[in-house]
């Protein structure tokens, strides 16, 4: 069994886990790179280099913050992203997985590095806001760490870490789960490759839809 019987609360990452926005992110970052005459990324390369904090990832792919502050490309990226994210769909089976856990009485929460207003807007667009008892995004667009927000929601909801599972698509999601003391499942269908995810030693699924096939008792 991939998810323990004792799990009562699922903390979902949003970007790349439920929302299929990886191709959009590759397209936008390539636009920024092209304007700076820097090498472009294909989806495979992107999944090998993307990381948190995103400032480090920008530096790794060639941005020089001696020439311009990080805030300039970061704002360029998010301005295009916020305009185009409306075209992104959920990963296949996303709504069915949320319904699957809801029917089994599991509390579901979103913990995202997306700005709170945009996060709430995209959840409403996909008509899934009602599945979540709490939605936690960031208060800026620099996509730093989700650890502090994660600790806050654990405290606010008085969650027992032993009864919580975080589902994400990056090594940072695993790091967050370690700080929160909860279980973690990573889905290798988002912003990082399966090879990188396996380094964490976490449970790995190839696709989100696999969660529906699991027997998760109440």
N, C-alpha and C. Protein backbone atom coordinates (compact mmCIF):
# COMPACT_ATOMS: atom_id res chain seq x y z
N UNK A 1 0.85 -1.19 0.00
CA UNK A 1 0.00 0.00 0.00
C UNK A 1 0.88 1.24 0.00
N UNK A 2 0.64 2.17 -0.92
CA UNK A 2 1.50 3.34 -1.04
C UNK A 2 1.20 4.37 0.04
N UNK A 3 -0.06 4.60 0.36
CA UNK A 3 -0.42 5.55 1.41
C UNK A 3 -0.86 4.77 2.65
N UNK A 4 -0.31 5.14 3.79
CA UNK A 4 -0.63 4.43 5.03
C UNK A 4 -2.10 4.58 5.40
N UNK A 5 -2.63 3.57 6.05
CA UNK A 5 -4.03 3.61 6.47
C UNK A 5 -4.29 4.75 7.45
N UNK A 6 -3.26 5.12 8.20
CA UNK A 6 -3.46 6.15 9.23
C UNK A 6 -3.59 7.56 8.66
N UNK A 7 -3.28 7.75 7.38
CA UNK A 7 -3.31 9.09 6.79
C UNK A 7 -4.73 9.63 6.75
N UNK A 8 -4.92 10.83 7.34
CA UNK A 8 -6.22 11.49 7.36
C UNK A 8 -6.22 12.80 6.56
N UNK A 9 -5.04 13.38 6.34
CA UNK A 9 -4.92 14.65 5.63
C UNK A 9 -3.90 14.55 4.52
N UNK A 10 -4.28 15.03 3.35
CA UNK A 10 -3.36 15.07 2.21
C UNK A 10 -3.06 16.51 1.88
N UNK A 11 -1.77 16.85 1.87
CA UNK A 11 -1.32 18.18 1.46
C UNK A 11 -0.84 18.07 0.02
N UNK A 12 -1.51 18.78 -0.86
CA UNK A 12 -1.17 18.76 -2.28
C UNK A 12 -0.28 19.93 -2.67
N UNK A 13 0.78 19.66 -3.40
CA UNK A 13 1.42 20.70 -4.18
C UNK A 13 0.50 20.98 -5.37
N UNK A 14 0.63 22.14 -5.98
CA UNK A 14 -0.27 22.51 -7.08
C UNK A 14 0.43 22.45 -8.43
N UNK A 15 1.44 23.32 -8.63
CA UNK A 15 2.11 23.41 -9.93
C UNK A 15 2.89 22.14 -10.24
N UNK A 16 2.55 21.50 -11.34
CA UNK A 16 3.26 20.30 -11.75
C UNK A 16 2.71 19.02 -11.15
N UNK A 17 1.99 19.13 -10.04
CA UNK A 17 1.42 17.95 -9.39
C UNK A 17 -0.03 17.75 -9.80
N UNK A 18 -0.86 18.74 -9.50
CA UNK A 18 -2.24 18.70 -9.99
C UNK A 18 -2.38 19.48 -11.30
N UNK A 19 -1.71 20.63 -11.38
CA UNK A 19 -1.78 21.47 -12.58
C UNK A 19 -0.66 21.10 -13.54
N UNK A 20 -1.01 20.81 -14.77
CA UNK A 20 -0.03 20.41 -15.78
C UNK A 20 0.51 21.67 -16.49
N UNK A 21 1.48 22.32 -15.85
CA UNK A 21 1.99 23.60 -16.37
C UNK A 21 3.46 23.54 -16.77
N UNK A 22 4.03 22.36 -16.84
CA UNK A 22 5.47 22.25 -17.14
C UNK A 22 5.80 22.78 -18.53
N UNK A 23 5.02 22.40 -19.53
CA UNK A 23 5.30 22.87 -20.89
C UNK A 23 5.22 24.40 -20.98
N UNK A 24 4.27 24.98 -20.28
CA UNK A 24 4.16 26.44 -20.27
C UNK A 24 5.41 27.06 -19.65
N UNK A 25 5.89 26.50 -18.56
CA UNK A 25 7.08 27.03 -17.90
C UNK A 25 8.31 26.94 -18.81
N UNK A 26 8.44 25.84 -19.55
CA UNK A 26 9.55 25.69 -20.48
C UNK A 26 9.45 26.75 -21.58
N UNK A 27 8.27 26.95 -22.09
CA UNK A 27 8.06 27.94 -23.16
C UNK A 27 8.42 29.35 -22.69
N UNK A 28 7.99 29.70 -21.48
CA UNK A 28 8.25 31.06 -20.98
C UNK A 28 9.72 31.26 -20.68
N UNK A 29 10.35 30.29 -20.01
CA UNK A 29 11.77 30.47 -19.67
C UNK A 29 12.62 30.53 -20.92
N UNK A 30 12.23 29.81 -21.97
CA UNK A 30 12.97 29.89 -23.22
C UNK A 30 12.84 31.27 -23.86
N UNK A 31 11.71 31.91 -23.69
CA UNK A 31 11.55 33.27 -24.17
C UNK A 31 12.50 34.22 -23.47
N UNK A 32 12.64 34.06 -22.16
CA UNK A 32 13.56 34.89 -21.39
C UNK A 32 15.01 34.61 -21.79
N UNK A 33 15.34 33.34 -21.98
CA UNK A 33 16.70 32.97 -22.36
C UNK A 33 17.03 33.51 -23.75
N UNK A 34 16.10 33.40 -24.68
CA UNK A 34 16.34 33.87 -26.05
C UNK A 34 16.63 35.36 -26.08
N UNK A 35 15.91 36.13 -25.27
CA UNK A 35 16.12 37.58 -25.24
C UNK A 35 17.48 37.94 -24.70
N UNK A 36 18.12 37.00 -24.00
CA UNK A 36 19.44 37.25 -23.42
C UNK A 36 20.53 36.46 -24.15
N UNK A 37 20.17 35.89 -25.30
CA UNK A 37 21.12 35.10 -26.10
C UNK A 37 21.75 33.96 -25.31
N UNK A 38 20.93 33.31 -24.50
CA UNK A 38 21.39 32.18 -23.70
C UNK A 38 20.82 30.88 -24.27
N UNK A 39 21.49 29.75 -24.04
CA UNK A 39 21.02 28.46 -24.58
C UNK A 39 19.62 28.13 -24.08
N UNK A 40 18.79 27.59 -24.98
CA UNK A 40 17.43 27.23 -24.63
C UNK A 40 17.37 25.84 -23.99
N UNK A 41 16.23 25.54 -23.37
CA UNK A 41 16.02 24.26 -22.70
C UNK A 41 14.97 23.46 -23.45
N UNK A 42 15.20 22.15 -23.58
CA UNK A 42 14.11 21.27 -24.00
C UNK A 42 13.46 20.73 -22.73
N UNK A 43 12.29 20.11 -22.83
CA UNK A 43 11.61 19.65 -21.61
C UNK A 43 12.45 18.71 -20.75
N UNK A 44 13.24 17.85 -21.38
CA UNK A 44 14.07 16.91 -20.62
C UNK A 44 15.14 17.64 -19.83
N UNK A 45 15.81 18.61 -20.47
CA UNK A 45 16.83 19.39 -19.78
C UNK A 45 16.21 20.21 -18.66
N UNK A 46 15.05 20.79 -18.92
CA UNK A 46 14.36 21.58 -17.90
C UNK A 46 14.13 20.75 -16.64
N UNK A 47 13.64 19.53 -16.81
CA UNK A 47 13.35 18.68 -15.64
C UNK A 47 14.61 18.26 -14.89
N UNK A 48 15.76 18.38 -15.55
CA UNK A 48 17.02 18.04 -14.89
C UNK A 48 17.62 19.23 -14.14
N UNK A 49 17.19 20.45 -14.46
CA UNK A 49 17.82 21.63 -13.85
C UNK A 49 16.88 22.43 -12.96
N UNK A 50 15.57 22.31 -13.14
CA UNK A 50 14.65 23.12 -12.35
C UNK A 50 14.78 22.78 -10.88
N UNK A 51 14.79 23.82 -10.03
CA UNK A 51 14.95 23.59 -8.60
C UNK A 51 14.44 24.80 -7.82
N UNK A 52 14.37 24.64 -6.52
CA UNK A 52 14.06 25.73 -5.59
C UNK A 52 15.29 25.98 -4.73
N UNK A 53 15.55 27.24 -4.35
CA UNK A 53 14.84 28.43 -4.80
C UNK A 53 15.09 28.69 -6.29
N UNK A 54 14.12 29.29 -6.97
CA UNK A 54 14.23 29.45 -8.41
C UNK A 54 15.37 30.38 -8.81
N UNK A 55 15.80 31.24 -7.90
CA UNK A 55 16.94 32.11 -8.22
C UNK A 55 18.17 31.28 -8.54
N UNK A 56 18.39 30.20 -7.79
CA UNK A 56 19.54 29.32 -8.05
C UNK A 56 19.40 28.64 -9.40
N UNK A 57 18.19 28.21 -9.72
CA UNK A 57 17.92 27.57 -11.02
C UNK A 57 18.17 28.55 -12.16
N UNK A 58 17.76 29.80 -12.01
CA UNK A 58 18.01 30.81 -13.03
C UNK A 58 19.51 30.97 -13.26
N UNK A 59 20.27 31.01 -12.18
CA UNK A 59 21.72 31.16 -12.32
C UNK A 59 22.33 29.96 -13.03
N UNK A 60 21.84 28.78 -12.71
CA UNK A 60 22.38 27.56 -13.32
C UNK A 60 22.19 27.53 -14.82
N UNK A 61 21.08 28.10 -15.31
CA UNK A 61 20.82 28.05 -16.75
C UNK A 61 21.35 29.27 -17.49
N UNK A 62 22.10 30.15 -16.76
CA UNK A 62 22.84 31.19 -17.47
C UNK A 62 22.55 32.63 -17.12
N UNK A 63 21.52 32.89 -16.33
CA UNK A 63 21.23 34.28 -15.96
C UNK A 63 22.37 34.84 -15.11
N UNK A 64 22.77 36.07 -15.40
CA UNK A 64 23.87 36.72 -14.69
C UNK A 64 23.30 37.86 -13.86
N UNK A 65 23.26 37.66 -12.56
CA UNK A 65 22.65 38.67 -11.70
C UNK A 65 23.62 39.77 -11.30
N UNK A 66 24.80 39.75 -11.91
CA UNK A 66 25.69 40.91 -11.84
C UNK A 66 25.29 41.92 -12.91
N UNK A 67 24.65 41.42 -13.96
CA UNK A 67 24.21 42.28 -15.06
C UNK A 67 22.80 42.82 -14.84
N UNK A 68 21.97 42.06 -14.17
CA UNK A 68 20.60 42.47 -13.87
C UNK A 68 20.15 41.77 -12.61
N UNK A 69 19.33 42.42 -11.81
CA UNK A 69 18.84 41.76 -10.59
C UNK A 69 17.86 40.64 -10.92
N UNK A 70 17.81 39.66 -10.06
CA UNK A 70 16.93 38.52 -10.23
C UNK A 70 15.48 38.94 -10.43
N UNK A 71 15.09 40.03 -9.77
CA UNK A 71 13.70 40.47 -9.82
C UNK A 71 13.23 40.78 -11.23
N UNK A 72 14.14 41.17 -12.13
CA UNK A 72 13.73 41.52 -13.50
C UNK A 72 13.24 40.29 -14.27
N UNK A 73 14.05 39.23 -14.44
CA UNK A 73 13.52 38.06 -15.15
C UNK A 73 12.40 37.37 -14.38
N UNK A 74 12.45 37.42 -13.05
CA UNK A 74 11.39 36.80 -12.26
C UNK A 74 10.04 37.45 -12.56
N UNK A 75 10.03 38.77 -12.66
CA UNK A 75 8.78 39.47 -12.98
C UNK A 75 8.37 39.23 -14.43
N UNK A 76 9.35 39.20 -15.34
CA UNK A 76 9.03 38.90 -16.74
C UNK A 76 8.34 37.55 -16.84
N UNK A 77 8.89 36.57 -16.12
CA UNK A 77 8.33 35.22 -16.16
C UNK A 77 6.91 35.21 -15.63
N UNK A 78 6.71 35.78 -14.44
CA UNK A 78 5.41 35.65 -13.80
C UNK A 78 4.34 36.45 -14.52
N UNK A 79 4.73 37.56 -15.16
CA UNK A 79 3.75 38.34 -15.91
C UNK A 79 3.15 37.51 -17.06
N UNK A 80 4.02 36.79 -17.78
CA UNK A 80 3.55 35.95 -18.87
C UNK A 80 2.80 34.74 -18.31
N UNK A 81 3.36 34.15 -17.26
CA UNK A 81 2.73 32.96 -16.67
C UNK A 81 1.30 33.25 -16.23
N UNK A 82 1.11 34.35 -15.50
CA UNK A 82 -0.22 34.67 -14.98
C UNK A 82 -1.23 34.92 -16.10
N UNK A 83 -0.74 35.35 -17.25
CA UNK A 83 -1.62 35.57 -18.39
C UNK A 83 -1.96 34.28 -19.11
N UNK A 84 -1.00 33.36 -19.15
CA UNK A 84 -1.16 32.15 -19.96
C UNK A 84 -1.61 30.91 -19.18
N UNK A 85 -1.53 30.96 -17.85
CA UNK A 85 -1.85 29.76 -17.06
C UNK A 85 -3.30 29.33 -17.22
N UNK A 86 -4.14 30.23 -17.67
CA UNK A 86 -5.55 29.87 -17.89
C UNK A 86 -5.70 28.78 -18.95
N UNK A 87 -4.68 28.60 -19.77
CA UNK A 87 -4.74 27.59 -20.83
C UNK A 87 -4.25 26.21 -20.35
N UNK A 88 -3.68 26.16 -19.14
CA UNK A 88 -3.18 24.89 -18.62
C UNK A 88 -4.32 24.04 -18.08
N UNK A 89 -4.19 22.74 -18.26
CA UNK A 89 -5.18 21.80 -17.76
C UNK A 89 -4.64 21.07 -16.53
N UNK A 90 -5.53 20.40 -15.83
CA UNK A 90 -5.09 19.51 -14.77
C UNK A 90 -4.43 18.29 -15.39
N UNK A 91 -3.55 17.65 -14.62
CA UNK A 91 -3.02 16.37 -15.08
C UNK A 91 -4.17 15.39 -15.24
N UNK A 92 -4.01 14.47 -16.16
CA UNK A 92 -5.05 13.48 -16.43
C UNK A 92 -5.47 12.76 -15.15
N UNK A 93 -6.75 12.72 -14.91
CA UNK A 93 -7.27 12.05 -13.72
C UNK A 93 -7.23 12.88 -12.46
N UNK A 94 -6.83 14.16 -12.56
CA UNK A 94 -6.68 15.00 -11.37
C UNK A 94 -7.96 15.14 -10.57
N UNK A 95 -9.03 15.52 -11.24
CA UNK A 95 -10.30 15.70 -10.53
C UNK A 95 -10.78 14.39 -9.93
N UNK A 96 -10.59 13.29 -10.66
CA UNK A 96 -11.03 11.98 -10.17
C UNK A 96 -10.25 11.58 -8.92
N UNK A 97 -8.98 11.92 -8.86
CA UNK A 97 -8.18 11.60 -7.68
C UNK A 97 -8.67 12.41 -6.48
N UNK A 98 -8.96 13.69 -6.69
CA UNK A 98 -9.48 14.52 -5.60
C UNK A 98 -10.81 13.97 -5.09
N UNK A 99 -11.67 13.57 -6.01
CA UNK A 99 -12.96 13.00 -5.63
C UNK A 99 -12.77 11.67 -4.89
N UNK A 100 -11.79 10.91 -5.34
CA UNK A 100 -11.47 9.61 -4.73
C UNK A 100 -11.16 9.76 -3.24
N UNK A 101 -10.30 10.74 -2.92
CA UNK A 101 -9.93 10.94 -1.52
C UNK A 101 -11.06 11.58 -0.73
N UNK A 102 -11.80 12.47 -1.38
CA UNK A 102 -12.93 13.11 -0.70
C UNK A 102 -13.94 12.06 -0.25
N UNK A 103 -14.24 11.10 -1.12
CA UNK A 103 -15.21 10.06 -0.79
C UNK A 103 -14.74 9.19 0.37
N UNK A 104 -13.43 9.14 0.57
CA UNK A 104 -12.87 8.35 1.67
C UNK A 104 -12.64 9.17 2.93
N UNK A 105 -13.19 10.39 2.93
CA UNK A 105 -13.16 11.20 4.14
C UNK A 105 -11.84 11.85 4.45
N UNK A 106 -10.96 11.94 3.46
CA UNK A 106 -9.66 12.56 3.69
C UNK A 106 -9.74 14.08 3.55
N UNK A 107 -9.18 14.79 4.51
CA UNK A 107 -9.05 16.24 4.39
C UNK A 107 -7.98 16.54 3.34
N UNK A 108 -8.23 17.52 2.46
CA UNK A 108 -7.27 17.86 1.43
C UNK A 108 -6.94 19.35 1.48
N UNK A 109 -5.64 19.64 1.33
CA UNK A 109 -5.11 21.00 1.47
C UNK A 109 -4.19 21.28 0.30
N UNK A 110 -4.13 22.52 -0.14
CA UNK A 110 -3.16 22.94 -1.14
C UNK A 110 -2.05 23.74 -0.46
N UNK A 111 -0.79 23.38 -0.74
CA UNK A 111 0.38 24.14 -0.29
C UNK A 111 1.22 24.44 -1.52
N UNK A 112 1.23 25.70 -1.95
CA UNK A 112 1.80 26.04 -3.25
C UNK A 112 2.77 27.22 -3.16
N UNK A 113 3.70 27.26 -4.12
CA UNK A 113 4.60 28.40 -4.27
C UNK A 113 4.02 29.44 -5.22
N UNK A 114 2.76 29.26 -5.62
CA UNK A 114 2.08 30.24 -6.46
C UNK A 114 1.52 31.36 -5.58
N UNK A 115 1.45 32.57 -6.14
CA UNK A 115 0.85 33.67 -5.39
C UNK A 115 -0.60 33.35 -5.04
N UNK A 116 -1.01 33.71 -3.84
CA UNK A 116 -2.33 33.33 -3.33
C UNK A 116 -3.49 33.73 -4.25
N UNK A 117 -3.57 34.97 -4.74
CA UNK A 117 -4.72 35.32 -5.58
C UNK A 117 -4.78 34.51 -6.88
N UNK A 118 -3.63 34.29 -7.52
CA UNK A 118 -3.59 33.52 -8.76
C UNK A 118 -3.93 32.06 -8.48
N UNK A 119 -3.42 31.56 -7.36
CA UNK A 119 -3.71 30.18 -6.97
C UNK A 119 -5.22 29.97 -6.81
N UNK A 120 -5.85 30.84 -6.07
CA UNK A 120 -7.29 30.70 -5.85
C UNK A 120 -8.05 30.83 -7.17
N UNK A 121 -7.60 31.73 -8.03
CA UNK A 121 -8.26 31.92 -9.33
C UNK A 121 -8.18 30.66 -10.19
N UNK A 122 -7.01 30.01 -10.22
CA UNK A 122 -6.86 28.82 -11.06
C UNK A 122 -7.65 27.65 -10.49
N UNK A 123 -7.73 27.56 -9.18
CA UNK A 123 -8.54 26.50 -8.57
C UNK A 123 -10.02 26.67 -8.92
N UNK A 124 -10.47 27.92 -8.88
CA UNK A 124 -11.88 28.17 -9.25
C UNK A 124 -12.11 27.89 -10.73
N UNK A 125 -11.13 28.25 -11.56
CA UNK A 125 -11.26 28.00 -12.99
C UNK A 125 -11.50 26.53 -13.27
N UNK A 126 -10.77 25.68 -12.53
CA UNK A 126 -10.89 24.23 -12.75
C UNK A 126 -11.99 23.61 -11.90
N UNK A 127 -12.73 24.46 -11.18
CA UNK A 127 -13.90 24.03 -10.41
C UNK A 127 -13.56 22.94 -9.39
N UNK A 128 -12.44 23.13 -8.69
CA UNK A 128 -12.03 22.14 -7.69
C UNK A 128 -11.80 22.76 -6.31
N UNK A 129 -12.09 24.04 -6.15
CA UNK A 129 -11.86 24.70 -4.86
C UNK A 129 -12.56 23.96 -3.73
N UNK A 130 -13.74 23.42 -4.01
CA UNK A 130 -14.53 22.77 -2.98
C UNK A 130 -13.93 21.52 -2.38
N UNK A 131 -12.89 20.99 -3.00
CA UNK A 131 -12.25 19.78 -2.47
C UNK A 131 -11.31 20.09 -1.31
N UNK A 132 -10.95 21.38 -1.12
CA UNK A 132 -9.89 21.73 -0.18
C UNK A 132 -10.41 22.50 1.02
N UNK A 133 -9.96 22.09 2.20
CA UNK A 133 -10.35 22.79 3.42
C UNK A 133 -9.49 24.02 3.66
N UNK A 134 -8.32 24.08 3.04
CA UNK A 134 -7.43 25.23 3.16
C UNK A 134 -6.55 25.31 1.93
N UNK A 135 -6.34 26.53 1.44
CA UNK A 135 -5.49 26.78 0.27
C UNK A 135 -4.41 27.77 0.67
N UNK A 136 -3.15 27.36 0.62
CA UNK A 136 -2.05 28.19 1.08
C UNK A 136 -1.05 28.45 -0.04
N UNK A 137 -0.98 29.71 -0.48
CA UNK A 137 0.01 30.13 -1.47
C UNK A 137 0.98 31.11 -0.85
N UNK A 138 1.81 31.74 -1.70
CA UNK A 138 2.78 32.72 -1.22
C UNK A 138 2.26 34.13 -1.40
N UNK A 139 2.89 35.07 -0.69
CA UNK A 139 2.45 36.46 -0.77
C UNK A 139 3.31 37.28 -1.73
N UNK A 140 4.15 36.59 -2.54
CA UNK A 140 4.93 37.29 -3.56
C UNK A 140 5.15 36.32 -4.72
N UNK A 141 5.79 36.79 -5.80
CA UNK A 141 5.94 35.94 -6.99
C UNK A 141 7.35 35.39 -7.16
N UNK A 142 8.14 35.34 -6.08
CA UNK A 142 9.51 34.88 -6.22
C UNK A 142 9.69 33.40 -5.93
N UNK A 143 8.61 32.70 -5.63
CA UNK A 143 8.60 31.24 -5.49
C UNK A 143 9.75 30.74 -4.64
N UNK A 144 9.81 31.21 -3.42
CA UNK A 144 10.87 30.78 -2.50
C UNK A 144 10.45 29.47 -1.84
N UNK A 145 10.53 29.41 -0.51
CA UNK A 145 10.25 28.16 0.18
C UNK A 145 8.81 28.08 0.67
N UNK A 146 8.26 26.86 0.67
CA UNK A 146 6.92 26.61 1.19
C UNK A 146 6.97 26.11 2.63
N UNK A 147 8.16 26.02 3.20
CA UNK A 147 8.31 25.41 4.51
C UNK A 147 7.57 26.19 5.59
N UNK A 148 7.75 27.51 5.62
CA UNK A 148 7.09 28.32 6.66
C UNK A 148 5.58 28.22 6.57
N UNK A 149 5.05 28.30 5.34
CA UNK A 149 3.60 28.17 5.17
C UNK A 149 3.11 26.80 5.58
N UNK A 150 3.93 25.79 5.29
CA UNK A 150 3.57 24.43 5.68
C UNK A 150 3.50 24.28 7.19
N UNK A 151 4.48 24.84 7.88
CA UNK A 151 4.46 24.78 9.35
C UNK A 151 3.26 25.52 9.91
N UNK A 152 2.93 26.65 9.28
CA UNK A 152 1.80 27.45 9.75
C UNK A 152 0.49 26.69 9.61
N UNK A 153 0.29 26.03 8.48
CA UNK A 153 -0.98 25.32 8.29
C UNK A 153 -1.08 24.10 9.19
N UNK A 154 0.07 23.45 9.46
CA UNK A 154 0.06 22.32 10.39
C UNK A 154 -0.39 22.78 11.78
N UNK A 155 0.09 23.98 12.18
CA UNK A 155 -0.26 24.52 13.48
C UNK A 155 -1.71 25.00 13.50
N UNK A 156 -2.12 25.71 12.44
CA UNK A 156 -3.47 26.26 12.37
C UNK A 156 -4.53 25.17 12.45
N UNK A 157 -4.28 24.07 11.74
CA UNK A 157 -5.25 22.98 11.69
C UNK A 157 -4.98 21.91 12.74
N UNK A 158 -3.93 22.13 13.56
CA UNK A 158 -3.57 21.18 14.62
C UNK A 158 -3.43 19.77 14.07
N UNK A 159 -2.64 19.65 12.99
CA UNK A 159 -2.48 18.36 12.33
C UNK A 159 -1.41 17.52 13.01
N UNK A 160 -1.66 16.24 13.08
CA UNK A 160 -0.68 15.28 13.57
C UNK A 160 0.17 14.83 12.38
N UNK A 161 1.47 15.12 12.36
CA UNK A 161 2.31 14.77 11.20
C UNK A 161 2.21 13.30 10.81
N UNK A 162 1.98 12.43 11.78
CA UNK A 162 1.87 11.00 11.49
C UNK A 162 0.64 10.66 10.68
N UNK A 163 -0.31 11.59 10.59
CA UNK A 163 -1.55 11.36 9.86
C UNK A 163 -1.62 12.19 8.58
N UNK A 164 -0.47 12.72 8.16
CA UNK A 164 -0.42 13.62 7.00
C UNK A 164 0.48 13.03 5.92
N UNK A 165 0.07 13.18 4.66
CA UNK A 165 0.91 12.81 3.52
C UNK A 165 0.95 13.99 2.55
N UNK A 166 2.15 14.40 2.17
CA UNK A 166 2.32 15.47 1.18
C UNK A 166 2.57 14.83 -0.18
N UNK A 167 1.85 15.28 -1.20
CA UNK A 167 2.02 14.78 -2.56
C UNK A 167 2.52 15.91 -3.44
N UNK A 168 3.70 15.71 -4.04
CA UNK A 168 4.30 16.76 -4.86
C UNK A 168 5.04 16.20 -6.05
N UNK A 169 5.83 17.08 -6.70
CA UNK A 169 6.53 16.65 -7.92
C UNK A 169 7.98 17.09 -7.95
N UNK A 170 8.51 17.60 -6.82
CA UNK A 170 9.90 18.07 -6.79
C UNK A 170 10.61 17.62 -5.51
N UNK A 171 11.91 17.69 -5.53
CA UNK A 171 12.70 17.38 -4.34
C UNK A 171 12.40 18.38 -3.23
N UNK A 172 12.01 19.59 -3.61
CA UNK A 172 11.65 20.58 -2.58
C UNK A 172 10.40 20.15 -1.83
N UNK A 173 9.46 19.53 -2.52
CA UNK A 173 8.27 19.01 -1.83
C UNK A 173 8.68 17.97 -0.80
N UNK A 174 9.65 17.13 -1.15
CA UNK A 174 10.16 16.15 -0.19
C UNK A 174 10.80 16.86 1.00
N UNK A 175 11.59 17.92 0.73
CA UNK A 175 12.21 18.68 1.81
C UNK A 175 11.16 19.27 2.74
N UNK A 176 10.09 19.79 2.16
CA UNK A 176 9.01 20.34 2.98
C UNK A 176 8.42 19.26 3.86
N UNK A 177 8.19 18.09 3.29
CA UNK A 177 7.61 16.99 4.08
C UNK A 177 8.53 16.60 5.23
N UNK A 178 9.82 16.67 5.01
CA UNK A 178 10.77 16.34 6.08
C UNK A 178 10.68 17.35 7.21
N UNK A 179 10.57 18.62 6.88
CA UNK A 179 10.43 19.66 7.90
C UNK A 179 9.11 19.51 8.66
N UNK A 180 8.08 19.06 7.96
CA UNK A 180 6.77 18.91 8.61
C UNK A 180 6.67 17.58 9.35
N UNK A 181 7.56 16.65 9.04
CA UNK A 181 7.55 15.35 9.71
C UNK A 181 6.50 14.39 9.20
N UNK A 182 6.06 14.61 7.95
CA UNK A 182 4.98 13.79 7.42
C UNK A 182 5.47 12.89 6.28
N UNK A 183 4.59 11.97 5.85
CA UNK A 183 4.91 11.12 4.71
C UNK A 183 4.94 11.93 3.43
N UNK A 184 5.53 11.35 2.37
CA UNK A 184 5.62 12.06 1.10
C UNK A 184 5.51 11.07 -0.05
N UNK A 185 4.77 11.47 -1.07
CA UNK A 185 4.73 10.76 -2.34
C UNK A 185 5.06 11.76 -3.43
N UNK A 186 5.95 11.40 -4.33
CA UNK A 186 6.33 12.29 -5.43
C UNK A 186 5.86 11.68 -6.75
N UNK A 187 5.32 12.53 -7.61
CA UNK A 187 4.81 12.09 -8.91
C UNK A 187 5.77 12.59 -9.99
N UNK A 188 6.33 11.67 -10.76
CA UNK A 188 7.36 12.00 -11.76
C UNK A 188 6.73 12.40 -13.09
N UNK A 189 5.82 13.34 -13.03
CA UNK A 189 5.11 13.78 -14.22
C UNK A 189 5.01 15.30 -14.25
N UNK A 190 5.92 15.96 -13.48
CA UNK A 190 5.84 17.40 -13.35
C UNK A 190 7.13 18.11 -13.71
N UNK A 191 7.68 18.85 -12.74
CA UNK A 191 8.80 19.75 -13.03
C UNK A 191 10.18 19.13 -12.83
N UNK A 192 10.26 17.93 -12.32
CA UNK A 192 11.57 17.28 -12.16
C UNK A 192 11.50 15.83 -12.63
N UNK A 193 12.65 15.34 -13.08
CA UNK A 193 12.71 13.99 -13.64
C UNK A 193 12.62 12.93 -12.55
N UNK A 194 12.20 11.74 -12.96
CA UNK A 194 12.13 10.63 -12.02
C UNK A 194 13.49 10.34 -11.42
N UNK A 195 14.55 10.47 -12.22
CA UNK A 195 15.90 10.24 -11.71
C UNK A 195 16.21 11.13 -10.51
N UNK A 196 15.86 12.40 -10.61
CA UNK A 196 16.14 13.32 -9.52
C UNK A 196 15.26 13.03 -8.30
N UNK A 197 14.02 12.68 -8.54
CA UNK A 197 13.12 12.41 -7.43
C UNK A 197 13.55 11.18 -6.65
N UNK A 198 14.09 10.18 -7.33
CA UNK A 198 14.46 8.94 -6.66
C UNK A 198 15.61 9.14 -5.66
N UNK A 199 16.38 10.19 -5.83
CA UNK A 199 17.46 10.49 -4.89
C UNK A 199 16.92 10.73 -3.49
N UNK A 200 15.69 11.20 -3.39
CA UNK A 200 15.10 11.48 -2.07
C UNK A 200 14.80 10.21 -1.28
N UNK A 201 14.64 9.09 -1.97
CA UNK A 201 14.23 7.87 -1.29
C UNK A 201 12.74 7.84 -0.99
N UNK A 202 12.01 8.83 -1.51
CA UNK A 202 10.57 8.90 -1.29
C UNK A 202 9.85 7.89 -2.18
N UNK A 203 8.57 7.69 -1.90
CA UNK A 203 7.73 6.87 -2.76
C UNK A 203 7.48 7.65 -4.06
N UNK A 204 7.62 6.97 -5.20
CA UNK A 204 7.51 7.62 -6.51
C UNK A 204 6.39 6.97 -7.31
N UNK A 205 5.54 7.80 -7.91
CA UNK A 205 4.55 7.34 -8.88
C UNK A 205 4.87 7.99 -10.21
N UNK A 206 4.57 7.29 -11.29
CA UNK A 206 4.85 7.85 -12.61
C UNK A 206 3.76 8.83 -13.06
N UNK A 207 2.53 8.59 -12.63
CA UNK A 207 1.42 9.44 -13.02
C UNK A 207 0.46 9.63 -11.85
N UNK A 208 -0.16 10.79 -11.82
CA UNK A 208 -1.10 11.11 -10.76
C UNK A 208 -2.25 10.12 -10.70
N UNK A 209 -2.70 9.67 -11.85
CA UNK A 209 -3.87 8.79 -11.90
C UNK A 209 -3.64 7.47 -11.17
N UNK A 210 -2.38 7.10 -10.91
CA UNK A 210 -2.10 5.86 -10.19
C UNK A 210 -2.67 5.89 -8.78
N UNK A 211 -2.86 7.08 -8.22
CA UNK A 211 -3.37 7.18 -6.86
C UNK A 211 -4.79 6.61 -6.74
N UNK A 212 -5.55 6.68 -7.81
CA UNK A 212 -6.93 6.16 -7.78
C UNK A 212 -6.96 4.65 -7.62
N UNK A 213 -5.88 4.01 -8.02
CA UNK A 213 -5.85 2.55 -8.00
C UNK A 213 -5.48 2.01 -6.62
N UNK A 214 -5.13 2.91 -5.70
CA UNK A 214 -4.68 2.47 -4.39
C UNK A 214 -5.88 2.23 -3.48
N UNK A 215 -5.73 1.28 -2.61
CA UNK A 215 -6.75 1.02 -1.60
C UNK A 215 -6.41 1.85 -0.38
N UNK A 216 -7.16 2.91 -0.17
CA UNK A 216 -6.87 3.81 0.96
C UNK A 216 -8.05 3.80 1.92
N UNK A 217 -8.04 2.93 2.92
CA UNK A 217 -9.18 2.82 3.83
C UNK A 217 -9.36 4.09 4.66
N UNK A 218 -10.58 4.32 5.13
CA UNK A 218 -10.83 5.45 6.02
C UNK A 218 -10.24 5.16 7.39
